[in-house]
Protein backbone atom coordinates (compact mmCIF):
# COMPACT_ATOMS: atom_id res chain seq x y z
CA UNK A 1 -3.78 -18.48 3.60
CA UNK A 2 -5.36 -15.92 5.62
CA UNK A 3 -4.57 -12.58 6.21
CA UNK A 4 -5.42 -11.30 9.95
CA UNK A 5 -8.43 -8.54 9.39
CA UNK A 6 -6.26 -5.96 11.28
CA UNK A 7 -3.74 -5.97 8.90
CA UNK A 8 -6.23 -6.23 5.87
CA UNK A 9 -7.96 -3.00 7.34
CA UNK A 10 -4.47 -1.20 7.86
CA UNK A 11 -3.32 -1.99 4.20
CA UNK A 12 -7.00 -1.42 2.41
CA UNK A 13 -7.51 -4.97 0.93
CA UNK A 14 -10.88 -6.36 0.31
CA UNK A 15 -12.08 -9.60 -0.55
CA UNK A 16 -11.08 -10.82 -3.81
CA UNK A 17 -8.45 -8.34 -4.29
CA UNK A 18 -5.21 -9.45 -6.38
CA UNK A 19 -1.82 -9.65 -4.45
CA UNK A 20 1.55 -10.26 -5.74
CA UNK A 21 3.82 -12.44 -3.22
CA UNK A 22 7.42 -11.43 -3.33
CA UNK A 23 10.16 -13.72 -1.40
CA UNK A 24 13.62 -12.94 -0.66
CA UNK A 25 16.39 -14.01 1.52
CA UNK A 26 14.96 -12.47 4.42
CA UNK A 27 11.37 -12.16 4.33
CA UNK A 28 7.87 -12.81 2.23
CA UNK A 29 5.98 -9.52 1.34
CA UNK A 30 2.22 -9.54 -0.02
CA UNK A 31 1.92 -6.41 -2.11
CA UNK A 32 -1.57 -5.42 -3.25
CA UNK A 33 -1.47 -5.10 -7.36
CA UNK A 34 -4.00 -2.51 -8.77
CA UNK A 35 -4.00 0.12 -11.28
CA UNK A 36 -1.00 2.13 -11.91
CA UNK A 37 -0.80 5.72 -11.12
CA UNK A 38 -0.76 8.19 -13.90
CA UNK A 39 2.30 10.74 -14.10
CA UNK A 40 1.03 14.23 -14.44
CA UNK A 41 3.40 17.28 -14.79
CA UNK A 42 3.05 19.97 -12.40
CA UNK A 43 5.70 22.63 -13.46
CA UNK A 44 8.97 21.16 -13.15
CA UNK A 45 7.78 17.98 -11.20
CA UNK A 46 6.04 14.72 -12.14
CA UNK A 47 3.23 14.08 -9.55
CA UNK A 48 1.34 10.52 -9.40
CA UNK A 49 -2.13 10.60 -9.72
CA UNK A 50 -4.57 7.30 -8.87
CA UNK A 51 -6.31 5.98 -11.30
CA UNK A 52 -8.33 3.64 -9.41
CA UNK A 53 -11.86 5.01 -8.53
CA UNK A 54 -12.15 6.74 -5.05
CA UNK A 55 -14.37 3.81 -3.66
CA UNK A 56 -11.90 1.67 -4.54
CA UNK A 57 -8.55 3.18 -2.96
CA UNK A 58 -7.65 2.54 0.52
CA UNK A 59 -8.08 5.18 3.40
CA UNK A 60 -4.41 5.51 4.76
CA UNK A 61 -2.95 7.54 7.29
CA UNK A 62 0.49 7.99 6.03
CA UNK A 63 1.80 9.70 9.08
CA UNK A 64 0.32 6.82 11.29
CA UNK A 65 2.20 4.54 8.79
CA UNK A 66 5.58 6.35 9.15
CA UNK A 67 5.49 6.63 12.68
CA UNK A 68 4.52 2.92 13.15
CA UNK A 69 7.80 2.23 10.93
CA UNK A 70 9.69 4.35 13.20
CA UNK A 71 8.50 2.79 16.48
CA UNK A 72 9.00 -0.56 14.81
CA UNK A 73 13.02 -0.53 15.36
CA UNK A 74 14.50 -0.66 18.62
CA UNK A 75 17.41 1.76 18.98
């Protein structure tokens, strides 16, 4: 299977990246596997801190992802 370059760039997949394939009744999802974040307590809250090196983390624009998801549904 070949994942289109635009999608790989959007989610930060690199050559050799491991992914998990999840299939349900309505979809097939490809989920990158990686190092689990470490939970750190800040006051009364738990915050997830990444454990992957900075160079291995994808550059993701969270705001653009949310906006894209909002615009995906025809209301």
